[in-house]
Amino acid sequence: MSKQFDVVVIGAGPGGYIAAIRAAQLGMNVACIDAWTNDKGGPAPGGTCTNVGCIPSKALLQSSEHFEHANKHFAEHGISTGKVTMDVATMIGRKDTVVKQNNDGILYLFKKNKVSFFHGRGSFVKAVEGGYEIKVAGKTEDLLTAKQIIVATGSNARALPGVEFDEVNVLSNDGALAIGAVPKKLGVVGSGVIGLEMGSVWRRLGADVTVLEGLPTFLGAVDEQVAKEAKKAFDKQGLKIELGVKIGEVKNGKKGVSVAYTNAKGEAQKLDVDKLIVSIGRAPNTIGLNAEVVGLQLDERGAIVVDGDCRTNLPGVWAVGDVVRGPMLAHKAEEEGVAVAERMAGQHGHVNFNTIPWVIYTSPEIAWVGRTEQQLKADGVKYKAGSFPFLANGRARALGDTTGFVKFLADAATDEILGVHIVGPMASELIAEAVVAMEFKASAEDIARICHAHPSLSEATKEAALAVDKRTLNF
């Protein structure tokens, strides 16, 4: 017998679990279905982000950064440690603990907000009077019926054509987070967020890392000035990045992986590595959803087609996160999840795609919001630019990390902030000030006139805003 709900959410990643909780808070009877399973066979809600994405990668980045600081920078502070070694198993175990804490936290929030959780794969069965019937295939099988359905099934890693992920030698983000020992040689295909972050983790721990990127430019979506600064820093660290390559035959053998490719000059090359991480993007996950049974429309990429409010072509069916258009970012999914729940309750959910921040958690960190200088030029927008280096920031000097700068772009006539771009220490935290400012249509002068604590890294944002009008307080 089918169990009746007001809302059924398929997927408990950042978009799904947030949508379920918000809908429950608004008085709806909500069920959330998720198939992720931990190593003991139990539920592991949180999606890619919590299980094999945002959370575990940051745990490994933190561990590897501590290791590098102890090896290379503690002496500058007068700290003697002797020989420092890394126990990879302990590092991976800590990462797994952090993941489990987040899994358990989501389950607690479901219970607290009276969301009914079902562990298994959710799929459409049929449209019924007043809604849809959804099957949950898990250890047991359940049928759920609801008037409103939210699909939040996320995305999957893309593989190289003809090269399967075995998660032993050829790794997706999943396998890259579970390497049992530091590889002597590590190859990474793709210099996006995952490639750079995972490459940074294992380089810090001693791996010889080579990144192969098909595009002729480094971080093409990033402001060009920021990308150049980041590339310079990565080169100095020993992260080898080759641009404009064309991948050929990839051989996966018992002793490792061999990658044939041509470089930017068209010369034939070969890279032999112990492990190969493939990070060439992600594909919307609609596998097993049974979308065709109810006529749910997908586009040519396999993404669910939605309008500006995340409505699909079916009445009462919504979709959010990686499975729809827009950037594949956890916080974008969260915003859409909240907005959809509020729209279902007759409220006015809000998502501003122009103020969604982007972050790459390497060292230096890279963060930005709004348009880049090259985009403004291409659009013919008249703008002013100002930047300030962390080299001249007192807090950055005290931290011992003066790489990078803050850059502001403002409308030439109105001074409204059009974009902010940061490369350097704690960029992931500093960018929030710019997001708030842009959401409230602030001008560069507004930021310049706000009192910032001294000494702080945020003073660099104030100085960059001042620099838009060729001013400075840094005497």
Protein backbone atom coordinates (compact mmCIF):
# COMPACT_ATOMS: atom_id res chain seq x y z
CA MET A 1 0.00 0.00 0.00
CA SER A 2 1.31 3.43 -0.98
CA LYS A 3 2.31 5.90 1.74
CA GLN A 4 0.92 9.40 1.22
CA PHE A 5 2.96 12.59 1.50
CA ASP A 6 2.63 16.21 0.43
CA VAL A 7 6.18 16.22 -0.96
CA VAL A 8 8.64 13.50 -1.95
CA VAL A 9 12.25 14.53 -2.53
CA ILE A 10 14.41 12.13 -4.56
CA GLY A 11 18.02 12.62 -3.47
CA ALA A 12 19.50 13.83 -0.19
CA GLY A 13 22.45 15.84 -1.44
CA PRO A 14 22.75 19.56 -0.63
CA GLY A 15 19.75 20.45 -2.81
CA GLY A 16 17.56 17.54 -1.72
CA TYR A 17 18.01 17.43 2.03
CA ILE A 18 17.80 21.22 2.34
CA ALA A 19 14.60 21.26 0.24
CA ALA A 20 13.08 18.48 2.37
CA ILE A 21 13.87 20.23 5.65
CA ARG A 22 12.61 23.62 4.45
CA ALA A 23 9.38 22.11 3.11
CA ALA A 24 8.81 20.38 6.47
CA GLN A 25 9.45 23.64 8.30
CA LEU A 26 6.75 25.22 6.14
CA GLY A 27 4.21 22.67 7.37
CA MET A 28 4.32 20.01 4.66
CA ASN A 29 4.42 16.25 5.21
CA VAL A 30 7.73 15.34 3.55
CA ALA A 31 9.60 12.18 2.56
CA CYS A 32 13.19 12.13 1.31
CA ILE A 33 14.70 9.18 -0.57
CA ASP A 34 18.44 8.60 -0.91
CA ALA A 35 20.51 5.62 -2.10
CA TRP A 36 23.97 6.50 -0.79
CA THR A 37 25.30 3.72 1.46
CA ASN A 38 28.18 3.70 3.93
CA ASP A 39 30.69 0.88 4.33
CA LYS A 40 28.40 -0.87 6.81
CA GLY A 41 25.41 -0.83 4.47
CA GLY A 42 23.65 1.97 6.31
CA PRO A 43 22.36 5.26 4.89
CA ALA A 44 24.84 8.01 4.02
CA PRO A 45 22.78 11.09 3.08
CA GLY A 46 24.57 14.16 1.79
CA GLY A 47 25.15 13.18 -1.83
CA THR A 48 28.41 13.65 -3.70
CA CYS A 49 29.20 16.78 -1.68
CA THR A 50 29.26 15.07 1.70
CA ASN A 51 30.47 11.61 0.64
CA VAL A 52 32.99 12.08 -2.19
CA GLY A 53 33.13 15.80 -2.89
CA CYS A 54 33.22 19.05 -0.94
CA ILE A 55 33.55 17.69 2.60
CA PRO A 56 36.10 14.86 2.26
CA SER A 57 38.26 16.84 -0.17
CA LYS A 58 38.50 19.72 2.30
CA ALA A 59 39.44 17.28 5.06
CA LEU A 60 42.32 15.93 2.95
CA LEU A 61 43.36 19.42 1.86
CA GLN A 62 43.55 20.47 5.51
CA SER A 63 45.60 17.41 6.51
CA SER A 64 48.01 17.82 3.61
CA GLU A 65 48.37 21.54 4.30
CA HIS A 66 49.30 20.83 7.93
CA PHE A 67 51.89 18.34 6.66
CA GLU A 68 53.42 20.84 4.24
CA HIS A 69 53.50 23.58 6.88
CA ALA A 70 55.26 21.27 9.33
CA ASN A 71 57.82 20.25 6.70
CA LYS A 72 58.48 23.60 5.06
CA HIS A 73 57.24 26.51 7.15
CA PHE A 74 57.32 25.73 10.88
CA ALA A 75 61.05 26.50 11.01
CA GLU A 76 60.30 30.10 9.98
CA HIS A 77 58.36 30.43 13.24
CA GLY A 78 61.14 28.90 15.33
CA ILE A 79 59.37 25.56 15.65
CA SER A 80 61.57 22.46 15.37
CA THR A 81 59.76 19.22 14.69
CA GLY A 82 62.42 16.81 13.49
CA LYS A 83 61.47 14.46 10.68
CA VAL A 84 57.75 14.69 9.89
CA THR A 85 55.98 11.69 8.37
CA MET A 86 52.44 11.18 7.11
CA ASP A 87 50.32 8.20 8.08
CA VAL A 88 48.02 8.10 5.07
CA ALA A 89 45.68 5.55 6.66
CA THR A 90 45.11 7.87 9.62
CA MET A 91 44.54 10.81 7.30
CA ILE A 92 41.96 8.84 5.30
CA GLY A 93 40.38 7.61 8.54
CA ARG A 94 39.98 11.18 9.79
CA LYS A 95 38.39 12.12 6.46
CA ASP A 96 35.94 9.23 6.81
CA THR A 97 35.06 10.34 10.33
CA VAL A 98 34.31 13.86 9.13
CA VAL A 99 32.08 12.43 6.39
CA LYS A 100 30.19 10.22 8.86
CA GLN A 101 29.64 13.16 11.21
CA ASN A 102 27.99 15.03 8.35
CA ASN A 103 25.91 11.98 7.33
CA ASP A 104 24.69 11.58 10.90
CA GLY A 105 24.00 15.29 11.17
CA ILE A 106 21.63 15.17 8.19
CA LEU A 107 19.78 12.18 9.62
CA TYR A 108 19.42 14.06 12.91
CA LEU A 109 18.02 17.11 11.08
CA PHE A 110 15.50 14.90 9.28
CA LYS A 111 14.32 13.50 12.59
CA LYS A 112 14.21 16.91 14.23
CA ASN A 113 12.13 18.37 11.39
CA LYS A 114 9.90 15.29 11.03
CA VAL A 115 11.10 14.39 7.53
CA SER A 116 10.47 10.69 6.75
CA PHE A 117 13.68 9.21 5.36
CA PHE A 118 13.74 6.20 3.02
CA HIS A 119 17.04 4.50 2.20
CA GLY A 120 17.05 3.26 -1.38
CA ARG A 121 16.81 4.33 -5.01
CA GLY A 122 13.80 6.44 -5.88
CA SER A 123 12.12 6.26 -9.28
CA PHE A 124 8.87 7.28 -10.93
CA VAL A 125 6.23 4.58 -11.30
CA LYS A 126 3.31 6.49 -12.76
CA ALA A 127 1.19 9.60 -12.54
CA VAL A 128 -1.84 9.12 -10.31
CA GLU A 129 -4.79 11.27 -9.46
CA GLY A 130 -3.46 14.36 -7.73
CA GLY A 131 0.21 13.45 -7.97
CA TYR A 132 2.80 10.76 -8.66
CA GLU A 133 3.70 7.34 -7.38
CA ILE A 134 7.37 6.83 -6.47
CA LYS A 135 9.07 3.49 -5.81
CA VAL A 136 11.86 3.13 -3.26
CA ALA A 137 14.12 0.16 -4.04
CA GLY A 138 16.28 -0.65 -1.03
CA LYS A 139 16.54 -3.51 1.44
CA THR A 140 12.76 -3.37 1.35
CA GLU A 141 10.52 -1.88 -1.32
CA ASP A 142 8.17 1.01 -0.58
CA LEU A 143 5.65 2.92 -2.66
CA LEU A 144 5.16 6.62 -1.92
CA THR A 145 2.59 9.02 -3.36
CA ALA A 146 2.80 12.79 -3.32
CA LYS A 147 1.32 15.84 -5.03
CA GLN A 148 4.75 17.47 -5.33
CA ILE A 149 8.02 15.83 -6.33
CA ILE A 150 11.48 17.40 -6.12
CA VAL A 151 14.21 15.64 -8.10
CA ALA A 152 17.68 16.29 -6.67
CA THR A 153 19.69 13.34 -7.94
CA GLY A 154 22.95 15.21 -8.55
CA SER A 155 25.64 14.26 -11.03
CA ASN A 156 28.25 11.61 -11.85
CA ALA A 157 31.90 11.92 -12.86
CA ARG A 158 32.57 11.82 -16.61
CA ALA A 159 34.99 9.16 -17.78
CA LEU A 160 37.43 9.46 -20.66
CA PRO A 161 35.97 7.79 -23.77
CA GLY A 162 36.87 4.11 -23.69
CA VAL A 163 38.57 4.34 -20.28
CA GLU A 164 36.50 3.02 -17.40
CA PHE A 165 36.97 4.09 -13.80
CA ASP A 166 38.29 1.10 -11.87
CA GLU A 167 38.93 3.27 -8.76
CA VAL A 168 42.24 1.44 -8.35
CA ASN A 169 44.47 2.98 -11.04
CA VAL A 170 42.03 5.12 -13.03
CA LEU A 171 40.23 7.26 -10.49
CA SER A 172 37.21 9.51 -10.34
CA ASN A 173 36.87 11.97 -7.46
CA ASP A 174 35.66 8.98 -5.42
CA GLY A 175 38.84 6.97 -5.86
CA ALA A 176 41.06 10.05 -5.57
CA LEU A 177 39.80 10.53 -2.02
CA ALA A 178 40.66 6.98 -0.99
CA ILE A 179 44.21 6.42 -2.26
CA GLY A 180 45.87 4.20 0.33
CA ALA A 181 49.47 5.36 -0.07
CA VAL A 182 51.22 8.33 -1.64
CA PRO A 183 51.84 7.47 -5.32
CA LYS A 184 55.31 8.22 -6.65
CA LYS A 185 53.84 9.58 -9.87
CA LEU A 186 50.30 10.88 -10.20
CA GLY A 187 48.60 12.02 -13.39
CA VAL A 188 45.54 14.25 -13.49
CA VAL A 189 43.45 14.81 -16.60
CA GLY A 190 41.67 18.14 -16.30
CA SER A 191 42.73 21.27 -14.44
CA GLY A 192 39.34 22.15 -13.00
CA VAL A 193 38.40 22.33 -9.33
CA ILE A 194 38.67 18.59 -8.59
CA GLY A 195 41.89 18.11 -10.55
CA LEU A 196 43.69 21.01 -8.90
CA GLU A 197 42.48 20.23 -5.39
CA MET A 198 43.31 16.53 -5.54
CA GLY A 199 46.57 17.21 -7.34
CA SER A 200 47.48 19.65 -4.56
CA VAL A 201 46.72 17.11 -1.81
CA TRP A 202 49.01 14.42 -3.17
CA ARG A 203 51.75 16.84 -4.32
CA ARG A 204 52.02 18.14 -0.74
CA LEU A 205 52.43 14.58 0.48
CA GLY A 206 55.29 13.91 -1.93
CA ALA A 207 53.80 12.72 -5.22
CA ASP A 208 55.23 13.89 -8.53
CA VAL A 209 52.05 15.36 -10.05
CA THR A 210 51.41 16.20 -13.72
CA VAL A 211 48.15 17.82 -14.80
CA LEU A 212 47.09 17.47 -18.45
CA GLU A 213 44.56 20.07 -19.64
CA GLY A 214 42.96 20.06 -23.06
CA LEU A 215 42.18 23.78 -23.17
CA PRO A 216 44.92 26.19 -24.29
CA THR A 217 44.32 28.50 -21.33
CA PHE A 218 44.53 27.80 -17.61
CA LEU A 219 41.27 28.21 -15.65
CA GLY A 220 39.45 29.84 -18.55
CA ALA A 221 36.39 30.70 -16.42
CA VAL A 222 38.51 32.64 -13.94
CA ASP A 223 39.58 36.26 -14.32
CA GLU A 224 42.69 36.15 -16.50
CA GLN A 225 44.85 38.13 -14.07
CA VAL A 226 43.90 35.78 -11.23
CA ALA A 227 44.51 32.67 -13.34
CA LYS A 228 48.01 33.86 -14.25
CA GLU A 229 48.86 34.52 -10.60
CA ALA A 230 47.54 31.09 -9.56
CA LYS A 231 49.46 29.32 -12.34
CA LYS A 232 52.66 31.06 -11.26
CA ALA A 233 52.12 29.86 -7.68
CA PHE A 234 51.37 26.27 -8.74
CA ASP A 235 54.45 26.19 -10.96
CA LYS A 236 56.58 27.35 -8.04
CA GLN A 237 55.13 24.59 -5.85
CA GLY A 238 56.11 21.94 -8.39
CA LEU A 239 52.65 21.14 -9.73
CA LYS A 240 53.35 20.44 -13.42
CA ILE A 241 50.52 21.72 -15.64
CA GLU A 242 50.52 21.13 -19.39
CA LEU A 243 47.95 23.06 -21.43
CA GLY A 244 46.53 22.43 -24.89
CA VAL A 245 47.09 18.68 -24.82
CA LYS A 246 45.12 16.06 -26.71
CA ILE A 247 44.70 12.74 -24.90
CA GLY A 248 45.26 9.63 -26.99
CA GLU A 249 45.39 5.99 -25.91
CA VAL A 250 45.25 5.29 -22.19
CA LYS A 251 46.57 1.89 -21.05
CA ASN A 252 45.68 0.65 -17.58
CA GLY A 253 47.97 -2.16 -16.44
CA LYS A 254 49.11 -3.90 -13.27
CA LYS A 255 52.03 -1.51 -12.84
CA GLY A 256 50.06 1.67 -13.44
CA VAL A 257 48.66 3.80 -16.22
CA SER A 258 50.26 4.97 -19.45
CA VAL A 259 48.80 8.03 -21.18
CA ALA A 260 49.70 8.85 -24.77
CA TYR A 261 49.03 12.48 -25.72
CA THR A 262 50.14 15.28 -27.97
CA ASN A 263 51.29 18.55 -26.43
CA ALA A 264 50.38 22.08 -27.50
CA LYS A 265 53.06 21.95 -30.21
CA GLY A 266 51.56 18.76 -31.65
CA GLU A 267 54.44 16.61 -30.44
CA ALA A 268 53.75 13.04 -29.33
CA GLN A 269 54.27 12.49 -25.61
CA LYS A 270 53.78 9.72 -23.07
CA LEU A 271 53.09 9.94 -19.34
CA ASP A 272 53.57 6.88 -17.14
CA VAL A 273 51.99 7.17 -13.69
CA ASP A 274 51.03 4.98 -10.76
CA LYS A 275 47.56 6.52 -10.53
CA LEU A 276 45.49 8.63 -12.93
CA ILE A 277 42.75 10.97 -11.71
CA VAL A 278 40.23 11.89 -14.42
CA SER A 279 38.42 15.15 -13.70
CA ILE A 280 36.92 16.28 -16.98
CA GLY A 281 33.55 17.38 -15.66
CA ARG A 282 30.35 15.78 -14.44
CA ALA A 283 27.14 14.56 -16.06
CA PRO A 284 23.60 15.02 -14.67
CA ASN A 285 22.43 11.85 -12.92
CA THR A 286 19.08 10.62 -14.19
CA ILE A 287 20.07 6.94 -14.23
CA GLY A 288 17.28 4.77 -12.86
CA LEU A 289 14.91 7.72 -12.37
CA ASN A 290 12.45 6.28 -14.90
CA ALA A 291 11.81 9.75 -16.28
CA GLU A 292 10.35 8.40 -19.53
CA VAL A 293 7.48 6.65 -17.73
CA VAL A 294 5.91 9.97 -16.76
CA GLY A 295 7.27 12.01 -19.69
CA LEU A 296 9.76 14.09 -17.71
CA GLN A 297 11.70 16.15 -20.25
CA LEU A 298 15.49 15.85 -20.46
CA ASP A 299 17.86 17.88 -22.62
CA GLU A 300 20.65 16.63 -24.89
CA ARG A 301 23.05 16.41 -21.90
CA GLY A 302 20.63 14.30 -19.92
CA ALA A 303 19.79 17.17 -17.57
CA ILE A 304 16.19 17.74 -16.49
CA VAL A 305 14.70 20.72 -18.29
CA VAL A 306 13.43 23.39 -15.90
CA ASP A 307 12.31 27.00 -16.08
CA GLY A 308 13.72 29.88 -14.06
CA ASP A 309 11.82 28.68 -10.98
CA CYS A 310 13.02 25.04 -11.25
CA ARG A 311 9.65 23.78 -12.55
CA THR A 312 9.81 20.88 -15.00
CA ASN A 313 7.40 20.22 -17.87
CA LEU A 314 5.23 18.17 -15.49
CA PRO A 315 2.80 19.80 -13.06
CA GLY A 316 3.98 19.42 -9.49
CA VAL A 317 7.44 18.14 -10.44
CA TRP A 318 10.50 20.27 -9.68
CA ALA A 319 14.26 19.68 -10.04
CA VAL A 320 17.28 21.33 -8.42
CA GLY A 321 21.07 21.15 -8.22
CA ASP A 322 23.49 19.35 -10.54
CA VAL A 323 20.70 17.56 -12.38
CA VAL A 324 19.50 20.87 -13.91
CA ARG A 325 21.07 23.82 -15.75
CA GLY A 326 23.53 26.14 -14.10
CA PRO A 327 26.76 25.69 -12.17
CA MET A 328 27.30 22.37 -10.42
CA LEU A 329 27.91 23.86 -6.98
CA ALA A 330 26.59 22.58 -3.65
CA HIS A 331 25.57 26.03 -2.45
CA LYS A 332 23.69 26.70 -5.70
CA ALA A 333 21.75 23.46 -5.11
CA GLU A 334 20.98 24.52 -1.54
CA GLU A 335 19.63 27.88 -2.66
CA GLU A 336 17.42 26.22 -5.29
CA GLY A 337 16.18 23.68 -2.73
CA VAL A 338 15.07 26.39 -0.31
CA ALA A 339 13.52 28.45 -3.11
CA VAL A 340 11.48 25.51 -4.45
CA ALA A 341 10.16 24.62 -1.00
CA GLU A 342 9.10 28.23 -0.47
CA ARG A 343 7.47 28.43 -3.90
CA MET A 344 5.46 25.29 -3.15
CA ALA A 345 4.24 27.05 0.01
CA GLY A 346 3.12 30.09 -2.00
CA GLN A 347 6.11 32.20 -1.04
CA HIS A 348 8.61 33.94 -3.28
CA GLY A 349 11.78 31.84 -3.35
CA HIS A 350 14.88 33.69 -4.49
CA VAL A 351 18.05 32.57 -6.30
CA ASN A 352 20.36 35.17 -7.85
CA PHE A 353 22.71 33.40 -10.24
CA ASN A 354 24.77 36.60 -10.60
CA THR A 355 25.89 36.45 -6.97
CA ILE A 356 26.78 32.77 -6.62
CA PRO A 357 30.40 32.56 -5.44
CA TRP A 358 32.95 30.13 -6.85
CA VAL A 359 35.88 28.74 -4.86
CA ILE A 360 38.89 26.52 -5.56
CA TYR A 361 40.40 25.38 -2.25
CA THR A 362 44.00 25.10 -3.38
CA SER A 363 46.89 27.07 -1.92
CA PRO A 364 46.57 29.85 -2.86
CA GLU A 365 42.80 29.72 -2.66
CA ILE A 366 40.90 31.15 -5.62
CA ALA A 367 37.45 32.72 -5.23
CA TRP A 368 35.28 34.98 -7.29
CA VAL A 369 31.77 36.34 -7.76
CA GLY A 370 30.23 38.23 -10.65
CA ARG A 371 31.81 38.89 -14.03
CA THR A 372 35.46 38.72 -15.02
CA GLU A 373 37.35 41.51 -16.73
CA GLN A 374 37.39 39.58 -20.00
CA GLN A 375 33.59 39.12 -19.84
CA LEU A 376 33.05 42.84 -19.27
CA LYS A 377 35.28 43.66 -22.23
CA ALA A 378 33.45 41.16 -24.44
CA ASP A 379 30.09 42.64 -23.41
CA GLY A 380 31.26 46.18 -24.07
CA VAL A 381 30.67 47.26 -20.47
CA LYS A 382 32.60 50.33 -19.32
CA TYR A 383 34.22 49.54 -16.02
CA LYS A 384 36.89 50.55 -13.51
CA ALA A 385 39.33 48.08 -11.97
CA GLY A 386 41.26 48.17 -8.74
CA SER A 387 43.50 45.62 -7.06
CA PHE A 388 45.59 45.26 -3.94
CA PRO A 389 48.34 42.68 -3.24
CA PHE A 390 48.46 40.60 -0.06
CA LEU A 391 52.20 41.36 -0.09
CA ALA A 392 51.28 44.79 1.33
CA ASN A 393 48.80 43.42 3.90
CA GLY A 394 50.06 43.25 7.49
CA ARG A 395 48.00 40.20 8.49
CA ALA A 396 49.17 38.27 5.41
CA ARG A 397 52.78 39.05 6.32
CA ALA A 398 52.18 37.81 9.87
CA LEU A 399 50.60 34.63 8.50
CA GLY A 400 53.58 34.13 6.22
CA ASP A 401 51.34 33.87 3.14
CA THR A 402 51.50 36.93 0.91
CA THR A 403 50.69 35.29 -2.43
CA GLY A 404 48.01 36.91 -4.58
CA PHE A 405 45.69 39.87 -4.48
CA VAL A 406 42.10 41.13 -4.36
CA LYS A 407 40.60 42.67 -7.49
CA PHE A 408 37.45 44.77 -7.78
CA LEU A 409 35.56 45.56 -10.98
CA ALA A 410 32.98 48.36 -10.84
CA ASP A 411 30.69 50.12 -13.30
CA ALA A 412 32.47 53.17 -14.70
CA ALA A 413 29.39 55.39 -14.36
CA THR A 414 27.58 54.13 -11.23
CA ASP A 415 30.47 52.50 -9.31
CA GLU A 416 28.25 49.41 -8.72
CA ILE A 417 30.39 46.34 -8.03
CA LEU A 418 30.30 44.02 -11.06
CA GLY A 419 32.80 41.40 -9.96
CA VAL A 420 35.31 40.60 -7.24
CA HIS A 421 38.20 38.19 -7.75
CA ILE A 422 40.59 36.93 -5.09
CA VAL A 423 43.65 34.71 -5.20
CA GLY A 424 45.41 34.25 -1.90
CA PRO A 425 44.99 33.25 1.75
CA MET A 426 41.42 32.59 2.95
CA ALA A 427 39.89 33.72 -0.34
CA SER A 428 36.99 31.31 0.30
CA GLU A 429 36.01 33.34 3.39
CA LEU A 430 36.82 36.81 2.08
CA ILE A 431 34.58 36.41 -0.98
CA ALA A 432 31.46 36.42 1.24
CA GLU A 433 31.80 40.16 1.82
CA ALA A 434 31.70 40.74 -1.92
CA VAL A 435 28.66 38.46 -2.32
CA VAL A 436 26.73 40.41 0.32
CA ALA A 437 27.78 43.71 -1.22
CA MET A 438 26.71 42.70 -4.72
CA GLU A 439 23.41 41.25 -3.50
CA PHE A 440 22.59 44.68 -2.06
CA LYS A 441 23.84 46.51 -5.19
CA ALA A 442 26.67 48.16 -3.31
CA SER A 443 29.27 50.38 -4.90
CA ALA A 444 33.04 50.00 -4.57
CA GLU A 445 33.00 53.19 -2.50
CA ASP A 446 30.60 51.53 -0.03
CA ILE A 447 33.19 48.83 0.68
CA ALA A 448 35.98 51.42 0.80
CA ARG A 449 34.11 53.42 3.46
CA ILE A 450 33.28 50.44 5.71
CA CYS A 451 35.57 50.05 8.73
CA HIS A 452 37.55 46.82 8.51
CA ALA A 453 39.43 45.35 11.47
CA HIS A 454 43.19 45.88 11.59
CA PRO A 455 45.15 43.82 11.02
CA SER A 456 43.00 41.54 8.89
CA LEU A 457 43.06 40.00 5.45
CA SER A 458 39.76 41.77 4.76
CA GLU A 459 41.64 45.07 4.71
CA ALA A 460 42.87 43.94 1.30
CA THR A 461 39.28 44.05 0.03
CA LYS A 462 38.91 47.60 1.36
CA GLU A 463 42.18 48.62 -0.31
CA ALA A 464 41.15 47.00 -3.61
CA ALA A 465 37.85 48.89 -3.48
CA LEU A 466 39.74 52.13 -2.83
CA ALA A 467 42.04 51.35 -5.75
CA VAL A 468 39.06 51.39 -8.11
CA ASP A 469 39.20 55.19 -7.79
CA LYS A 470 43.01 55.21 -7.63
CA ARG A 471 43.07 55.81 -3.88
CA THR A 472 44.83 53.99 -1.07
CA LEU A 473 45.14 54.11 2.72
CA ASN A 474 48.21 51.87 2.69
CA PHE A 475 50.84 54.57 3.20
